[in-house]
Structure formats: structure tokens, C-alpha cells
Amino acid sequence: MKRAFVYTVSIAFLFSALAFASDRAVAENIKADQAKTNIVKSPKMNATGKVIEISDSSIKIERTVKGNAETMQFVLEKPTENVAVDDSVKIAYIEKDGQMVAIRAVRVPKKIDKKK
């Protein structure tokens, strides 16, 4: 009789220990999931084209994509240097608040044809 009582108490103790152990693991996982945050960065894109108009706050270029001429207007973070109308430029930009914001505008040198 004593043996049956000891076995019953032992099994009850093991099941209660497993129940308490599983409750703690779930509580820790919930806290860990709440702390995770995803930082979304906007991708940096490039456009190459010919400058149509330029000012201190914006630049407008025309580029050709698959035979179609396309006009793009960018907001400048800082004024560009050594860029004038009719220059070929490469602009690195991001989209912020529905506008294309130019991070960098670099003049592309003209190609020189050397015929022999």
C-alpha cells in the first residue's frame, strides 16, 4: 500500500513540475517576441540622364528607357557643384514621402571616340 501511495505522489510531483516548467518557457518567449522590431530602409536607386533644368532645391533630368524618353524630377538635399544644363549625370536617390530625394548627383564624363 505504501508503494502505491509513493508512486502516485511521485507521478503527481513530476506532472506538476512539467506544468510549471512549460508555463515559464512560454512567458519568456512572449517577452522576447515583443522586443523584436523590424527597421525598414528604403532602397537606394540610380538614374542616369541629361539635365534639363537645375536649381538649388531641385533637378530635372530626361532619360531614355527602352527607346522612350522619360522626365524625372528630384529634390536635392544639398546643392550640387559642377553640374550644369545639358550635362549627363548619374543620380543616386531614395523615395521619401512620395518624392524622389537625390542623395548624390555626379557628372558623367563624355565618351571620346578614337578612330584609327
PDB file of N, CA and C in Angstrom:
ATOM      1  N   MET A   1       0.810  -1.178   0.000  1.00  0.00           N
ATOM      2  CA  MET A   1       0.000   0.000   0.000  1.00  0.00           C
ATOM      3  C   MET A   1       0.865   1.259   0.000  1.00  0.00           C
ATOM      4  N   LYS A   2       1.938   1.199   0.782  1.00  0.00           N
ATOM      5  CA  LYS A   2       2.843   2.336   0.833  1.00  0.00           C
ATOM      6  C   LYS A   2       3.452   2.590  -0.548  1.00  0.00           C
ATOM      7  N   ARG A   3       3.789   1.510  -1.260  1.00  0.00           N
ATOM      8  CA  ARG A   3       4.393   1.650  -2.576  1.00  0.00           C
ATOM      9  C   ARG A   3       3.449   2.363  -3.536  1.00  0.00           C
ATOM     10  N   ALA A   4       2.234   2.014  -3.566  1.00  0.00           N
ATOM     11  CA  ALA A   4       1.262   2.634  -4.453  1.00  0.00           C
ATOM     12  C   ALA A   4       1.108   4.111  -4.119  1.00  0.00           C
ATOM     13  N   PHE A   5       1.105   4.444  -2.851  1.00  0.00           N
ATOM     14  CA  PHE A   5       0.995   5.836  -2.430  1.00  0.00           C
ATOM     15  C   PHE A   5       2.228   6.629  -2.857  1.00  0.00           C
ATOM     16  N   VAL A   6       3.417   6.059  -2.706  1.00  0.00           N
ATOM     17  CA  VAL A   6       4.662   6.726  -3.093  1.00  0.00           C
ATOM     18  C   VAL A   6       4.696   6.927  -4.605  1.00  0.00           C
ATOM     19  N   TYR A   7       4.282   5.912  -5.392  1.00  0.00           N
ATOM     20  CA  TYR A   7       4.242   6.047  -6.849  1.00  0.00           C
ATOM     21  C   TYR A   7       3.260   7.140  -7.291  1.00  0.00           C
ATOM     22  N   THR A   8       2.123   7.203  -6.671  1.00  0.00           N
ATOM     23  CA  THR A   8       1.111   8.200  -7.019  1.00  0.00           C
ATOM     24  C   THR A   8       1.604   9.608  -6.715  1.00  0.00           C
ATOM     25  N   VAL A   9       2.218   9.802  -5.576  1.00  0.00           N
ATOM     26  CA  VAL A   9       2.752  11.110  -5.201  1.00  0.00           C
ATOM     27  C   VAL A   9       3.910  11.501  -6.125  1.00  0.00           C
ATOM     28  N   SER A  10       4.740  10.544  -6.486  1.00  0.00           N
ATOM     29  CA  SER A  10       5.874  10.828  -7.381  1.00  0.00           C
ATOM     30  C   SER A  10       5.390  11.250  -8.763  1.00  0.00           C
ATOM     31  N   ILE A  11       4.413  10.547  -9.304  1.00  0.00           N
ATOM     32  CA  ILE A  11       3.870  10.889 -10.624  1.00  0.00           C
ATOM     33  C   ILE A  11       3.200  12.257 -10.587  1.00  0.00           C
ATOM     34  N   ALA A  12       2.466  12.550  -9.540  1.00  0.00           N
ATOM     35  CA  ALA A  12       1.823  13.864  -9.401  1.00  0.00           C
ATOM     36  C   ALA A  12       2.874  14.962  -9.319  1.00  0.00           C
ATOM     37  N   PHE A  13       3.946  14.723  -8.605  1.00  0.00           N
ATOM     38  CA  PHE A  13       5.027  15.705  -8.493  1.00  0.00           C
ATOM     39  C   PHE A  13       5.694  15.949  -9.853  1.00  0.00           C
ATOM     40  N   LEU A  14       5.945  14.902 -10.641  1.00  0.00           N
ATOM     41  CA  LEU A  14       6.573  15.049 -11.949  1.00  0.00           C
ATOM     42  C   LEU A  14       5.680  15.833 -12.908  1.00  0.00           C
ATOM     43  N   PHE A  15       4.376  15.507 -12.933  1.00  0.00           N
ATOM     44  CA  PHE A  15       3.461  16.231 -13.821  1.00  0.00           C
ATOM     45  C   PHE A  15       3.344  17.706 -13.436  1.00  0.00           C
ATOM     46  N   SER A  16       3.327  17.983 -12.126  1.00  0.00           N
ATOM     47  CA  SER A  16       3.235  19.390 -11.712  1.00  0.00           C
ATOM     48  C   SER A  16       4.525  20.135 -12.056  1.00  0.00           C
ATOM     49  N   ALA A  17       5.664  19.474 -11.930  1.00  0.00           N
ATOM     50  CA  ALA A  17       6.942  20.107 -12.287  1.00  0.00           C
ATOM     51  C   ALA A  17       6.984  20.415 -13.776  1.00  0.00           C
ATOM     52  N   LEU A  18       6.490  19.500 -14.620  1.00  0.00           N
ATOM     53  CA  LEU A  18       6.453  19.743 -16.064  1.00  0.00           C
ATOM     54  C   LEU A  18       5.510  20.890 -16.404  1.00  0.00           C
ATOM     55  N   ALA A  19       4.393  20.964 -15.722  1.00  0.00           N
ATOM     56  CA  ALA A  19       3.430  22.040 -15.985  1.00  0.00           C
ATOM     57  C   ALA A  19       4.032  23.395 -15.616  1.00  0.00           C
ATOM     58  N   PHE A  20       4.704  23.497 -14.482  1.00  0.00           N
ATOM     59  CA  PHE A  20       5.330  24.774 -14.092  1.00  0.00           C
ATOM     60  C   PHE A  20       6.475  25.144 -15.030  1.00  0.00           C
ATOM     61  N   ALA A  21       7.236  24.174 -15.484  1.00  0.00           N
ATOM     62  CA  ALA A  21       8.354  24.442 -16.382  1.00  0.00           C
ATOM     63  C   ALA A  21       7.855  24.952 -17.735  1.00  0.00           C
ATOM     64  N   SER A  22       6.783  24.397 -18.252  1.00  0.00           N
ATOM     65  CA  SER A  22       6.272  24.841 -19.542  1.00  0.00           C
ATOM     66  C   SER A  22       5.657  26.233 -19.453  1.00  0.00           C
ATOM     67  N   ASP A  23       5.051  26.605 -18.351  1.00  0.00           N
ATOM     68  CA  ASP A  23       4.485  27.948 -18.183  1.00  0.00           C
ATOM     69  C   ASP A  23       5.576  29.010 -18.210  1.00  0.00           C
ATOM     70  N   ARG A  24       6.678  28.771 -17.611  1.00  0.00           N
ATOM     71  CA  ARG A  24       7.765  29.761 -17.585  1.00  0.00           C
ATOM     72  C   ARG A  24       8.373  29.950 -18.973  1.00  0.00           C
ATOM     73  N   ALA A  25       8.540  28.897 -19.736  1.00  0.00           N
ATOM     74  CA  ALA A  25       9.134  28.990 -21.073  1.00  0.00           C
ATOM     75  C   ALA A  25       8.232  29.799 -22.003  1.00  0.00           C
ATOM     76  N   VAL A  26       6.954  29.651 -21.910  1.00  0.00           N
ATOM     77  CA  VAL A  26       6.031  30.399 -22.750  1.00  0.00           C
ATOM     78  C   VAL A  26       6.078  31.875 -22.404  1.00  0.00           C
ATOM     79  N   ALA A  27       6.137  32.209 -21.131  1.00  0.00           N
ATOM     80  CA  ALA A  27       6.181  33.606 -20.703  1.00  0.00           C
ATOM     81  C   ALA A  27       7.449  34.291 -21.210  1.00  0.00           C
ATOM     82  N   GLU A  28       8.572  33.607 -21.207  1.00  0.00           N
ATOM     83  CA  GLU A  28       9.820  34.193 -21.686  1.00  0.00           C
ATOM     84  C   GLU A  28       9.771  34.414 -23.197  1.00  0.00           C
ATOM     85  N   ASN A  29       9.165  33.500 -23.949  1.00  0.00           N
ATOM     86  CA  ASN A  29       9.077  33.643 -25.402  1.00  0.00           C
ATOM     87  C   ASN A  29       8.203  34.825 -25.789  1.00  0.00           C
ATOM     88  N   ILE A  30       7.155  35.078 -25.072  1.00  0.00           N
ATOM     89  CA  ILE A  30       6.285  36.215 -25.379  1.00  0.00           C
ATOM     90  C   ILE A  30       7.033  37.522 -25.196  1.00  0.00           C
ATOM     91  N   LYS A  31       7.798  37.648 -24.129  1.00  0.00           N
ATOM     92  CA  LYS A  31       8.573  38.865 -23.898  1.00  0.00           C
ATOM     93  C   LYS A  31       9.624  39.056 -24.984  1.00  0.00           C
ATOM     94  N   ALA A  32      10.258  37.991 -25.423  1.00  0.00           N
ATOM     95  CA  ALA A  32      11.289  38.089 -26.453  1.00  0.00           C
ATOM     96  C   ALA A  32      10.683  38.506 -27.787  1.00  0.00           C
ATOM     97  N   ASP A  33       9.494  38.021 -28.125  1.00  0.00           N
ATOM     98  CA  ASP A  33       8.855  38.376 -29.388  1.00  0.00           C
ATOM     99  C   ASP A  33       8.430  39.839 -29.414  1.00  0.00           C
ATOM    100  N   GLN A  34       8.023  40.387 -28.283  1.00  0.00           N
ATOM    101  CA  GLN A  34       7.590  41.767 -28.238  1.00  0.00           C
ATOM    102  C   GLN A  34       8.756  42.731 -28.408  1.00  0.00           C
ATOM    103  N   ALA A  35       9.956  42.342 -28.048  1.00  0.00           N
ATOM    104  CA  ALA A  35      11.112  43.216 -28.132  1.00  0.00           C
ATOM    105  C   ALA A  35      11.673  43.326 -29.555  1.00  0.00           C
ATOM    106  N   LYS A  36      11.338  42.401 -30.425  1.00  0.00           N
ATOM    107  CA  LYS A  36      11.866  42.413 -31.788  1.00  0.00           C
ATOM    108  C   LYS A  36      11.176  43.503 -32.605  1.00  0.00           C
ATOM    109  N   THR A  37      11.965  44.296 -33.316  1.00  0.00           N
ATOM    110  CA  THR A  37      11.418  45.310 -34.207  1.00  0.00           C
ATOM    111  C   THR A  37      12.125  45.195 -35.554  1.00  0.00           C
ATOM    112  N   ASN A  38      11.402  45.463 -36.600  1.00  0.00           N
ATOM    113  CA  ASN A  38      11.965  45.436 -37.949  1.00  0.00           C
ATOM    114  C   ASN A  38      12.172  46.863 -38.418  1.00  0.00           C
ATOM    115  N   ILE A  39      13.394  47.192 -38.771  1.00  0.00           N
ATOM    116  CA  ILE A  39      13.713  48.503 -39.299  1.00  0.00           C
ATOM    117  C   ILE A  39      13.662  48.401 -40.815  1.00  0.00           C
ATOM    118  N   VAL A  40      12.802  49.209 -41.414  1.00  0.00           N
ATOM    119  CA  VAL A  40      12.633  49.172 -42.858  1.00  0.00           C
ATOM    120  C   VAL A  40      13.408  50.331 -43.472  1.00  0.00           C
ATOM    121  N   LYS A  41      14.376  50.004 -44.303  1.00  0.00           N
ATOM    122  CA  LYS A  41      15.146  51.021 -45.002  1.00  0.00           C
ATOM    123  C   LYS A  41      14.633  51.113 -46.431  1.00  0.00           C
ATOM    124  N   SER A  42      14.564  52.335 -46.910  1.00  0.00           N
ATOM    125  CA  SER A  42      14.153  52.488 -48.300  1.00  0.00           C
ATOM    126  C   SER A  42      15.364  52.213 -49.197  1.00  0.00           C
ATOM    127  N   PRO A  43      15.157  51.509 -50.295  1.00  0.00           N
ATOM    128  CA  PRO A  43      16.278  51.140 -51.154  1.00  0.00           C
ATOM    129  C   PRO A  43      16.842  52.343 -51.904  1.00  0.00           C
ATOM    130  N   LYS A  44      18.148  52.328 -52.111  1.00  0.00           N
ATOM    131  CA  LYS A  44      18.800  53.382 -52.882  1.00  0.00           C
ATOM    132  C   LYS A  44      18.763  52.986 -54.355  1.00  0.00           C
ATOM    133  N   MET A  45      18.298  53.912 -55.196  1.00  0.00           N
ATOM    134  CA  MET A  45      18.174  53.646 -56.625  1.00  0.00           C
ATOM    135  C   MET A  45      19.037  54.628 -57.411  1.00  0.00           C
ATOM    136  N   ASN A  46      19.262  54.327 -58.682  1.00  0.00           N
ATOM    137  CA  ASN A  46      20.090  55.163 -59.548  1.00  0.00           C
ATOM    138  C   ASN A  46      19.328  55.518 -60.817  1.00  0.00           C
ATOM    139  N   ALA A  47      19.619  56.711 -61.338  1.00  0.00           N
ATOM    140  CA  ALA A  47      19.063  57.142 -62.621  1.00  0.00           C
ATOM    141  C   ALA A  47      20.147  57.929 -63.355  1.00  0.00           C
ATOM    142  N   THR A  48      20.281  57.681 -64.633  1.00  0.00           N
ATOM    143  CA  THR A  48      21.253  58.380 -65.461  1.00  0.00           C
ATOM    144  C   THR A  48      20.502  59.089 -66.579  1.00  0.00           C
ATOM    145  N   GLY A  49      20.856  60.353 -66.798  1.00  0.00           N
ATOM    146  CA  GLY A  49      20.183  61.100 -67.852  1.00  0.00           C
ATOM    147  C   GLY A  49      20.821  62.455 -68.085  1.00  0.00           C
ATOM    148  N   LYS A  50      20.167  63.264 -68.918  1.00  0.00           N
ATOM    149  CA  LYS A  50      20.651  64.582 -69.301  1.00  0.00           C
ATOM    150  C   LYS A  50      19.875  65.636 -68.518  1.00  0.00           C
ATOM    151  N   VAL A  51      20.578  66.611 -67.939  1.00  0.00           N
ATOM    152  CA  VAL A  51      19.955  67.646 -67.116  1.00  0.00           C
ATOM    153  C   VAL A  51      19.178  68.606 -68.005  1.00  0.00           C
ATOM    154  N   ILE A  52      17.882  68.787 -67.665  1.00  0.00           N
ATOM    155  CA  ILE A  52      17.036  69.733 -68.378  1.00  0.00           C
ATOM    156  C   ILE A  52      17.022  71.071 -67.653  1.00  0.00           C
ATOM    157  N   GLU A  53      16.788  71.020 -66.335  1.00  0.00           N
ATOM    158  CA  GLU A  53      16.840  72.253 -65.541  1.00  0.00           C
ATOM    159  C   GLU A  53      17.350  71.912 -64.151  1.00  0.00           C
ATOM    160  N   ILE A  54      17.976  72.904 -63.529  1.00  0.00           N
ATOM    161  CA  ILE A  54      18.579  72.704 -62.204  1.00  0.00           C
ATOM    162  C   ILE A  54      18.400  73.973 -61.382  1.00  0.00           C
ATOM    163  N   SER A  55      18.161  73.796 -60.084  1.00  0.00           N
ATOM    164  CA  SER A  55      18.101  74.904 -59.139  1.00  0.00           C
ATOM    165  C   SER A  55      18.744  74.439 -57.834  1.00  0.00           C
ATOM    166  N   ASP A  56      18.726  75.304 -56.820  1.00  0.00           N
ATOM    167  CA  ASP A  56      19.334  74.926 -55.546  1.00  0.00           C
ATOM    168  C   ASP A  56      18.547  73.827 -54.832  1.00  0.00           C
ATOM    169  N   SER A  57      17.263  73.719 -55.103  1.00  0.00           N
ATOM    170  CA  SER A  57      16.437  72.758 -54.370  1.00  0.00           C
ATOM    171  C   SER A  57      15.955  71.578 -55.211  1.00  0.00           C
ATOM    172  N   SER A  58      16.086  71.640 -56.539  1.00  0.00           N
ATOM    173  CA  SER A  58      15.614  70.523 -57.358  1.00  0.00           C
ATOM    174  C   SER A  58      16.435  70.397 -58.640  1.00  0.00           C
ATOM    175  N   ILE A  59      16.335  69.228 -59.234  1.00  0.00           N
ATOM    176  CA  ILE A  59      16.995  68.945 -60.504  1.00  0.00           C
ATOM    177  C   ILE A  59      16.036  68.108 -61.339  1.00  0.00           C
ATOM    178  N   LYS A  60      15.979  68.397 -62.627  1.00  0.00           N
ATOM    179  CA  LYS A  60      15.092  67.671 -63.542  1.00  0.00           C
ATOM    180  C   LYS A  60      15.947  67.097 -64.651  1.00  0.00           C
ATOM    181  N   ILE A  61      15.814  65.770 -64.876  1.00  0.00           N
ATOM    182  CA  ILE A  61      16.594  65.115 -65.921  1.00  0.00           C
ATOM    183  C   ILE A  61      15.655  64.413 -66.894  1.00  0.00           C
ATOM    184  N   GLU A  62      16.191  64.152 -68.075  1.00  0.00           N
ATOM    185  CA  GLU A  62      15.470  63.367 -69.077  1.00  0.00           C
ATOM    186  C   GLU A  62      16.324  62.149 -69.381  1.00  0.00           C
ATOM    187  N   ARG A  63      15.717  60.991 -69.267  1.00  0.00           N
ATOM    188  CA  ARG A  63      16.452  59.767 -69.555  1.00  0.00           C
ATOM    189  C   ARG A  63      15.672  58.932 -70.553  1.00  0.00           C
ATOM    190  N   THR A  64      16.383  58.059 -71.250  1.00  0.00           N
ATOM    191  CA  THR A  64      15.777  57.214 -72.259  1.00  0.00           C
ATOM    192  C   THR A  64      15.778  55.776 -71.761  1.00  0.00           C
ATOM    193  N   VAL A  65      14.582  55.186 -71.681  1.00  0.00           N
ATOM    194  CA  VAL A  65      14.440  53.806 -71.239  1.00  0.00           C
ATOM    195  C   VAL A  65      13.718  53.032 -72.332  1.00  0.00           C
ATOM    196  N   LYS A  66      14.397  52.086 -72.934  1.00  0.00           N
ATOM    197  CA  LYS A  66      13.849  51.244 -73.998  1.00  0.00           C
ATOM    198  C   LYS A  66      13.246  52.083 -75.121  1.00  0.00           C
ATOM    199  N   GLY A  67      13.943  53.151 -75.488  1.00  0.00           N
ATOM    200  CA  GLY A  67      13.509  53.989 -76.599  1.00  0.00           C
ATOM    201  C   GLY A  67      12.500  55.060 -76.224  1.00  0.00           C
ATOM    202  N   ASN A  68      11.993  55.077 -75.005  1.00  0.00           N
ATOM    203  CA  ASN A  68      11.029  56.089 -74.566  1.00  0.00           C
ATOM    204  C   ASN A  68      11.728  57.126 -73.697  1.00  0.00           C
ATOM    205  N   ALA A  69      11.478  58.401 -73.976  1.00  0.00           N
ATOM    206  CA  ALA A  69      12.048  59.484 -73.175  1.00  0.00           C
ATOM    207  C   ALA A  69      11.183  59.682 -71.937  1.00  0.00           C
ATOM    208  N   GLU A  70      11.836  59.815 -70.799  1.00  0.00           N
ATOM    209  CA  GLU A  70      11.148  59.957 -69.524  1.00  0.00           C
ATOM    210  C   GLU A  70      11.759  61.128 -68.756  1.00  0.00           C
ATOM    211  N   THR A  71      10.926  61.987 -68.183  1.00  0.00           N
ATOM    212  CA  THR A  71      11.402  63.120 -67.402  1.00  0.00           C
ATOM    213  C   THR A  71      11.235  62.802 -65.924  1.00  0.00           C
ATOM    214  N   MET A  72      12.291  63.020 -65.149  1.00  0.00           N
ATOM    215  CA  MET A  72      12.260  62.758 -63.709  1.00  0.00           C
ATOM    216  C   MET A  72      12.693  64.014 -62.970  1.00  0.00           C
ATOM    217  N   GLN A  73      11.996  64.328 -61.879  1.00  0.00           N
ATOM    218  CA  GLN A  73      12.343  65.496 -61.067  1.00  0.00           C
ATOM    219  C   GLN A  73      12.717  65.021 -59.673  1.00  0.00           C
ATOM    220  N   PHE A  74      13.832  65.535 -59.165  1.00  0.00           N
ATOM    221  CA  PHE A  74      14.355  65.139 -57.863  1.00  0.00           C
ATOM    222  C   PHE A  74      14.461  66.355 -56.958  1.00  0.00           C
ATOM    223  N   VAL A  75      14.267  66.137 -55.673  1.00  0.00           N
ATOM    224  CA  VAL A  75      14.507  67.162 -54.659  1.00  0.00           C
ATOM    225  C   VAL A  75      15.939  66.966 -54.176  1.00  0.00           C
ATOM    226  N   LEU A  76      16.700  68.058 -54.105  1.00  0.00           N
ATOM    227  CA  LEU A  76      18.100  67.970 -53.694  1.00  0.00           C
ATOM    228  C   LEU A  76      18.225  68.168 -52.191  1.00  0.00           C
ATOM    229  N   GLU A  77      19.026  67.331 -51.538  1.00  0.00           N
ATOM    230  CA  GLU A  77      19.316  67.521 -50.119  1.00  0.00           C
ATOM    231  C   GLU A  77      20.287  68.684 -49.937  1.00  0.00           C
ATOM    232  N   LYS A  78      21.276  68.769 -50.812  1.00  0.00           N
ATOM    233  CA  LYS A  78      22.231  69.873 -50.792  1.00  0.00           C
ATOM    234  C   LYS A  78      22.519  70.269 -52.233  1.00  0.00           C
ATOM    235  N   PRO A  79      22.859  71.528 -52.471  1.00  0.00           N
ATOM    236  CA  PRO A  79      23.116  71.975 -53.851  1.00  0.00           C
ATOM    237  C   PRO A  79      24.287  71.206 -54.469  1.00  0.00           C
ATOM    238  N   THR A  80      24.165  70.947 -55.765  1.00  0.00           N
ATOM    239  CA  THR A  80      25.229  70.230 -56.465  1.00  0.00           C
ATOM    240  C   THR A  80      26.239  71.209 -57.042  1.00  0.00           C
ATOM    241  N   GLU A  81      27.445  70.735 -57.189  1.00  0.00           N
ATOM    242  CA  GLU A  81      28.520  71.545 -57.758  1.00  0.00           C
ATOM    243  C   GLU A  81      28.958  70.905 -59.079  1.00  0.00           C
ATOM    244  N   ASN A  82      29.426  71.723 -59.983  1.00  0.00           N
ATOM    245  CA  ASN A  82      29.972  71.276 -61.273  1.00  0.00           C
ATOM    246  C   ASN A  82      28.945  70.553 -62.142  1.00  0.00           C
ATOM    247  N   VAL A  83      27.662  70.836 -61.955  1.00  0.00           N
ATOM    248  CA  VAL A  83      26.617  70.260 -62.797  1.00  0.00           C
ATOM    249  C   VAL A  83      25.858  71.413 -63.421  1.00  0.00           C
ATOM    250  N   ALA A  84      25.720  71.365 -64.750  1.00  0.00           N
ATOM    251  CA  ALA A  84      25.012  72.425 -65.468  1.00  0.00           C
ATOM    252  C   ALA A  84      23.993  71.786 -66.410  1.00  0.00           C
ATOM    253  N   VAL A  85      23.195  72.641 -67.048  1.00  0.00           N
ATOM    254  CA  VAL A  85      22.192  72.166 -68.003  1.00  0.00           C
ATOM    255  C   VAL A  85      22.918  71.510 -69.185  1.00  0.00           C
ATOM    256  N   ASP A  86      22.359  70.458 -69.732  1.00  0.00           N
ATOM    257  CA  ASP A  86      22.883  69.660 -70.841  1.00  0.00           C
ATOM    258  C   ASP A  86      24.055  68.762 -70.449  1.00  0.00           C
ATOM    259  N   ASP A  87      24.330  68.601 -69.170  1.00  0.00           N
ATOM    260  CA  ASP A  87      25.343  67.646 -68.721  1.00  0.00           C
ATOM    261  C   ASP A  87      24.684  66.290 -68.504  1.00  0.00           C
ATOM    262  N   SER A  88      25.437  65.231 -68.716  1.00  0.00           N
ATOM    263  CA  SER A  88      24.961  63.896 -68.379  1.00  0.00           C
ATOM    264  C   SER A  88      25.313  63.635 -66.916  1.00  0.00           C
ATOM    265  N   VAL A  89      24.333  63.175 -66.138  1.00  0.00           N
ATOM    266  CA  VAL A  89      24.551  62.950 -64.705  1.00  0.00           C
ATOM    267  C   VAL A  89      24.037  61.576 -64.301  1.00  0.00           C
ATOM    268  N   LYS A  90      24.602  61.069 -63.215  1.00  0.00           N
ATOM    269  CA  LYS A  90      24.115  59.854 -62.569  1.00  0.00           C
ATOM    270  C   LYS A  90      23.669  60.270 -61.178  1.00  0.00           C
ATOM    271  N   ILE A  91      22.399  60.006 -60.861  1.00  0.00           N
ATOM    272  CA  ILE A  91      21.822  60.445 -59.597  1.00  0.00           C
ATOM    273  C   ILE A  91      21.473  59.223 -58.754  1.00  0.00           C
ATOM    274  N   ALA A  92      21.958  59.218 -57.518  1.00  0.00           N
ATOM    275  CA  ALA A  92      21.555  58.211 -56.539  1.00  0.00           C
ATOM    276  C   ALA A  92      20.439  58.833 -55.712  1.00  0.00           C
ATOM    277  N   TYR A  93      19.303  58.130 -55.618  1.00  0.00           N
ATOM    278  CA  TYR A  93      18.154  58.723 -54.937  1.00  0.00           C
ATOM    279  C   TYR A  93      17.377  57.683 -54.142  1.00  0.00           C
ATOM    280  N   ILE A  94      16.540  58.194 -53.225  1.00  0.00           N
ATOM    281  CA  ILE A  94      15.608  57.366 -52.470  1.00  0.00           C
ATOM    282  C   ILE A  94      14.237  58.010 -52.554  1.00  0.00           C
ATOM    283  N   GLU A  95      13.200  57.226 -52.301  1.00  0.00           N
ATOM    284  CA  GLU A  95      11.851  57.777 -52.270  1.00  0.00           C
ATOM    285  C   GLU A  95      11.480  58.042 -50.819  1.00  0.00           C
ATOM    286  N   LYS A  96      11.128  59.293 -50.524  1.00  0.00           N
ATOM    287  CA  LYS A  96      10.768  59.684 -49.170  1.00  0.00           C
ATOM    288  C   LYS A  96       9.522  60.554 -49.252  1.00  0.00           C
ATOM    289  N   ASP A  97       8.470  60.160 -48.578  1.00  0.00           N
ATOM    290  CA  ASP A  97       7.211  60.899 -48.538  1.00  0.00           C
ATOM    291  C   ASP A  97       6.639  61.145 -49.929  1.00  0.00           C
ATOM    292  N   GLY A  98       6.754  60.188 -50.816  1.00  0.00           N
ATOM    293  CA  GLY A  98       6.201  60.298 -52.159  1.00  0.00           C
ATOM    294  C   GLY A  98       7.039  61.124 -53.112  1.00  0.00           C
ATOM    295  N   GLN A  99       8.201  61.598 -52.685  1.00  0.00           N
ATOM    296  CA  GLN A  99       9.090  62.378 -53.549  1.00  0.00           C
ATOM    297  C   GLN A  99      10.394  61.626 -53.731  1.00  0.00           C
ATOM    298  N   MET A 100      11.045  61.878 -54.859  1.00  0.00           N
ATOM    299  CA  MET A 100      12.361  61.301 -55.097  1.00  0.00           C
ATOM    300  C   MET A 100      13.403  62.299 -54.601  1.00  0.00           C
ATOM    301  N   VAL A 101      14.168  61.895 -53.596  1.00  0.00           N
ATOM    302  CA  VAL A 101      15.171  62.760 -52.978  1.00  0.00           C
ATOM    303  C   VAL A 101      16.550  62.317 -53.451  1.00  0.00           C
ATOM    304  N   ALA A 102      17.252  63.243 -54.128  1.00  0.00           N
ATOM    305  CA  ALA A 102      18.586  62.941 -54.661  1.00  0.00           C
ATOM    306  C   ALA A 102      19.605  63.023 -53.534  1.00  0.00           C
ATOM    307  N   ILE A 103      20.323  61.936 -53.337  1.00  0.00           N
ATOM    308  CA  ILE A 103      21.380  61.903 -52.329  1.00  0.00           C
ATOM    309  C   ILE A 103      22.681  62.417 -52.919  1.00  0.00           C
ATOM    310  N   ARG A 104      22.942  61.997 -54.172  1.00  0.00           N
ATOM    311  CA  ARG A 104      24.202  62.362 -54.825  1.00  0.00           C
ATOM    312  C   ARG A 104      23.952  62.518 -56.312  1.00  0.00           C
ATOM    313  N   ALA A 105      24.511  63.554 -56.906  1.00  0.00           N
ATOM    314  CA  ALA A 105      24.443  63.768 -58.354  1.00  0.00           C
ATOM    315  C   ALA A 105      25.870  63.944 -58.863  1.00  0.00           C
ATOM    316  N   VAL A 106      26.289  63.022 -59.735  1.00  0.00           N
ATOM    317  CA  VAL A 106      27.660  63.026 -60.243  1.00  0.00           C
ATOM    318  C   VAL A 106      27.622  63.187 -61.756  1.00  0.00           C
ATOM    319  N   ARG A 107      28.436  64.084 -62.259  1.00  0.00           N
ATOM    320  CA  ARG A 107      28.529  64.306 -63.699  1.00  0.00           C
ATOM    321  C   ARG A 107      29.262  63.143 -64.346  1.00  0.00           C
ATOM    322  N   VAL A 108      28.698  62.633 -65.440  1.00  0.00           N
ATOM    323  CA  VAL A 108      29.301  61.518 -66.177  1.00  0.00           C
ATOM    324  C   VAL A 108      30.140  62.110 -67.292  1.00  0.00           C
ATOM    325  N   PRO A 109      31.425  61.740 -67.384  1.00  0.00           N
ATOM    326  CA  PRO A 109      32.263  62.289 -68.458  1.00  0.00           C
ATOM    327  C   PRO A 109      31.807  61.794 -69.824  1.00  0.00           C
ATOM    328  N   LYS A 110      31.982  62.660 -70.828  1.00  0.00           N
ATOM    329  CA  LYS A 110      31.604  62.302 -72.186  1.00  0.00           C
ATOM    330  C   LYS A 110      32.610  61.292 -72.742  1.00  0.00           C
ATOM    331  N   LYS A 111      32.107  60.371 -73.551  1.00  0.00           N
ATOM    332  CA  LYS A 111      32.962  59.365 -74.154  1.00  0.00           C
ATOM    333  C   LYS A 111      33.640  59.968 -75.380  1.00  0.00           C
ATOM    334  N   ILE A 112      34.897  59.694 -75.529  1.00  0.00           N
ATOM    335  CA  ILE A 112      35.678  60.184 -76.668  1.00  0.00           C
ATOM    336  C   ILE A 112      35.917  59.012 -77.610  1.00  0.00           C
ATOM    337  N   ASP A 113      35.476  59.154 -78.838  1.00  0.00           N
ATOM    338  CA  ASP A 113      35.681  58.118 -79.839  1.00  0.00           C
ATOM    339  C   ASP A 113      37.050  58.278 -80.481  1.00  0.00           C
ATOM    340  N   LYS A 114      37.833  57.250 -80.424  1.00  0.00           N
ATOM    341  CA  LYS A 114      39.161  57.267 -81.049  1.00  0.00           C
ATOM    342  C   LYS A 114      39.132  56.307 -82.226  1.00  0.00           C
ATOM    343  N   LYS A 115      39.106  56.905 -83.416  1.00  0.00           N
ATOM    344  CA  LYS A 115      39.082  56.087 -84.616  1.00  0.00           C
ATOM    345  C   LYS A 115      40.492  56.022 -85.191  1.00  0.00           C
ATOM    346  N   LYS A 116      40.867  54.851 -85.615  1.00  0.00           N
ATOM    347  CA  LYS A 116      42.209  54.693 -86.181  1.00  0.00           C
ATOM    348  C   LYS A 116      42.125  54.544 -87.657  1.00  0.00           C
TER     349      LYS A 116
END
